[in-house]
Amino acid sequence: MLRVNASENETYEVRVISRLLVQVAAHYGYHAGQIVLLSKLMKDSNEHITGQYH
């Protein structure tokens, strides 16, 4: 495992950080999919998504 020593008492594991970035990207993709699904469901609707009209 690749380790980067920042100081005497701190060690960061690069694999943990890269795994975190992959998890964040997947989470973002999940929400993007939700937005696409809601957009398709509301495409033919006259309702505003927040219930407010401008």
N, C-alpha and C. Protein backbone atom coordinates (compact mmCIF):
# COMPACT_ATOMS: atom_id res chain seq x y z
N MET A 1 0.85 -1.17 0.00
CA MET A 1 0.00 0.00 0.00
C MET A 1 0.89 1.23 0.00
N LEU A 2 0.55 2.19 -0.83
CA LEU A 2 1.32 3.42 -0.94
C LEU A 2 0.97 4.36 0.20
N ARG A 3 1.96 4.80 0.92
CA ARG A 3 1.74 5.73 2.03
C ARG A 3 2.57 6.98 1.82
N VAL A 4 1.99 8.09 2.22
CA VAL A 4 2.68 9.37 2.13
C VAL A 4 2.79 9.92 3.55
N ASN A 5 3.99 10.16 4.02
CA ASN A 5 4.18 10.67 5.37
C ASN A 5 4.14 12.19 5.35
N ALA A 6 3.16 12.76 6.02
CA ALA A 6 3.00 14.21 6.05
C ALA A 6 3.83 14.82 7.17
N SER A 7 3.85 14.18 8.31
CA SER A 7 4.67 14.64 9.43
C SER A 7 5.00 13.43 10.28
N GLU A 8 5.57 13.66 11.42
CA GLU A 8 6.00 12.56 12.29
C GLU A 8 4.84 11.70 12.75
N ASN A 9 3.68 12.30 13.05
CA ASN A 9 2.55 11.55 13.59
C ASN A 9 1.41 11.33 12.60
N GLU A 10 1.53 11.85 11.39
CA GLU A 10 0.43 11.75 10.43
C GLU A 10 0.85 10.88 9.24
N THR A 11 0.01 9.92 8.89
CA THR A 11 0.22 9.10 7.71
C THR A 11 -1.10 9.02 6.96
N TYR A 12 -1.06 9.34 5.69
CA TYR A 12 -2.26 9.29 4.87
C TYR A 12 -2.16 8.09 3.93
N GLU A 13 -3.20 7.32 3.86
CA GLU A 13 -3.23 6.20 2.94
C GLU A 13 -3.89 6.65 1.66
N VAL A 14 -3.13 6.60 0.59
CA VAL A 14 -3.62 7.11 -0.70
C VAL A 14 -4.79 6.28 -1.20
N ARG A 15 -4.79 4.97 -0.93
CA ARG A 15 -5.89 4.13 -1.38
C ARG A 15 -7.20 4.53 -0.71
N VAL A 16 -7.16 4.94 0.52
CA VAL A 16 -8.38 5.35 1.22
C VAL A 16 -8.94 6.62 0.57
N ILE A 17 -8.07 7.55 0.24
CA ILE A 17 -8.51 8.79 -0.40
C ILE A 17 -9.08 8.51 -1.78
N SER A 18 -8.44 7.64 -2.56
CA SER A 18 -8.96 7.34 -3.89
C SER A 18 -10.28 6.59 -3.80
N ARG A 19 -10.43 5.72 -2.81
CA ARG A 19 -11.70 5.02 -2.62
C ARG A 19 -12.80 6.01 -2.24
N LEU A 20 -12.45 7.00 -1.44
CA LEU A 20 -13.42 8.04 -1.07
C LEU A 20 -13.86 8.83 -2.29
N LEU A 21 -12.93 9.16 -3.16
CA LEU A 21 -13.28 9.90 -4.37
C LEU A 21 -14.20 9.09 -5.28
N VAL A 22 -13.97 7.79 -5.38
CA VAL A 22 -14.85 6.93 -6.18
C VAL A 22 -16.24 6.89 -5.56
N GLN A 23 -16.31 6.81 -4.23
CA GLN A 23 -17.60 6.78 -3.55
C GLN A 23 -18.36 8.09 -3.76
N VAL A 24 -17.68 9.21 -3.70
CA VAL A 24 -18.31 10.51 -3.92
C VAL A 24 -18.83 10.61 -5.36
N ALA A 25 -18.04 10.13 -6.32
CA ALA A 25 -18.46 10.16 -7.72
C ALA A 25 -19.69 9.29 -7.94
N ALA A 26 -19.73 8.12 -7.32
CA ALA A 26 -20.88 7.23 -7.45
C ALA A 26 -22.11 7.86 -6.80
N HIS A 27 -21.93 8.51 -5.68
CA HIS A 27 -23.04 9.17 -4.99
C HIS A 27 -23.59 10.31 -5.86
N TYR A 28 -22.71 11.06 -6.47
CA TYR A 28 -23.14 12.14 -7.37
C TYR A 28 -23.92 11.56 -8.55
N GLY A 29 -23.43 10.46 -9.11
CA GLY A 29 -24.12 9.81 -10.22
C GLY A 29 -25.50 9.33 -9.83
N TYR A 30 -25.64 8.83 -8.61
CA TYR A 30 -26.95 8.38 -8.11
C TYR A 30 -27.93 9.55 -8.09
N HIS A 31 -27.51 10.68 -7.57
CA HIS A 31 -28.40 11.85 -7.52
C HIS A 31 -28.68 12.39 -8.91
N ALA A 32 -27.71 12.34 -9.80
CA ALA A 32 -27.95 12.77 -11.18
C ALA A 32 -29.02 11.90 -11.82
N GLY A 33 -28.99 10.60 -11.55
CA GLY A 33 -30.01 9.69 -12.05
C GLY A 33 -31.39 10.02 -11.50
N GLN A 34 -31.44 10.40 -10.23
CA GLN A 34 -32.72 10.80 -9.63
C GLN A 34 -33.27 12.04 -10.33
N ILE A 35 -32.42 12.99 -10.64
CA ILE A 35 -32.86 14.21 -11.31
C ILE A 35 -33.38 13.88 -12.70
N VAL A 36 -32.69 13.00 -13.42
CA VAL A 36 -33.14 12.61 -14.76
C VAL A 36 -34.50 11.92 -14.68
N LEU A 37 -34.66 11.00 -13.72
CA LEU A 37 -35.92 10.29 -13.57
C LEU A 37 -37.06 11.26 -13.26
N LEU A 38 -36.86 12.17 -12.32
CA LEU A 38 -37.89 13.15 -11.99
C LEU A 38 -38.22 14.04 -13.17
N SER A 39 -37.21 14.41 -13.93
CA SER A 39 -37.44 15.25 -15.12
C SER A 39 -38.29 14.52 -16.14
N LYS A 40 -38.03 13.23 -16.34
CA LYS A 40 -38.82 12.45 -17.30
C LYS A 40 -40.25 12.27 -16.80
N LEU A 41 -40.42 12.06 -15.50
CA LEU A 41 -41.75 11.88 -14.95
C LEU A 41 -42.58 13.16 -15.03
N MET A 42 -41.93 14.30 -14.88
CA MET A 42 -42.64 15.57 -14.86
C MET A 42 -42.67 16.27 -16.21
N LYS A 43 -42.13 15.63 -17.25
CA LYS A 43 -42.02 16.25 -18.56
C LYS A 43 -43.37 16.71 -19.10
N ASP A 44 -44.39 15.88 -18.95
CA ASP A 44 -45.70 16.20 -19.50
C ASP A 44 -46.65 16.80 -18.47
N SER A 45 -46.12 17.15 -17.31
CA SER A 45 -46.95 17.68 -16.25
C SER A 45 -46.88 19.21 -16.24
N ASN A 46 -47.97 19.84 -15.82
CA ASN A 46 -47.97 21.30 -15.70
C ASN A 46 -47.57 21.75 -14.31
N GLU A 47 -47.33 20.81 -13.40
CA GLU A 47 -46.97 21.15 -12.03
C GLU A 47 -45.51 21.60 -11.96
N HIS A 48 -45.29 22.60 -11.13
CA HIS A 48 -43.93 23.04 -10.86
C HIS A 48 -43.36 22.15 -9.76
N ILE A 49 -42.08 21.79 -9.85
CA ILE A 49 -41.51 20.81 -8.93
C ILE A 49 -41.55 21.28 -7.47
N THR A 50 -41.51 22.59 -7.22
CA THR A 50 -41.55 23.08 -5.84
C THR A 50 -42.96 23.47 -5.40
N GLY A 51 -43.91 23.42 -6.34
CA GLY A 51 -45.28 23.80 -6.01
C GLY A 51 -45.49 25.30 -6.10
N GLN A 52 -44.47 26.05 -6.51
CA GLN A 52 -44.58 27.49 -6.62
C GLN A 52 -44.55 27.86 -8.10
N TYR A 53 -45.31 28.88 -8.44
CA TYR A 53 -45.32 29.35 -9.82
C TYR A 53 -44.75 30.75 -9.87
N HIS A 54 -44.08 31.07 -10.94
CA HIS A 54 -43.46 32.39 -11.08
C HIS A 54 -44.28 33.24 -11.98
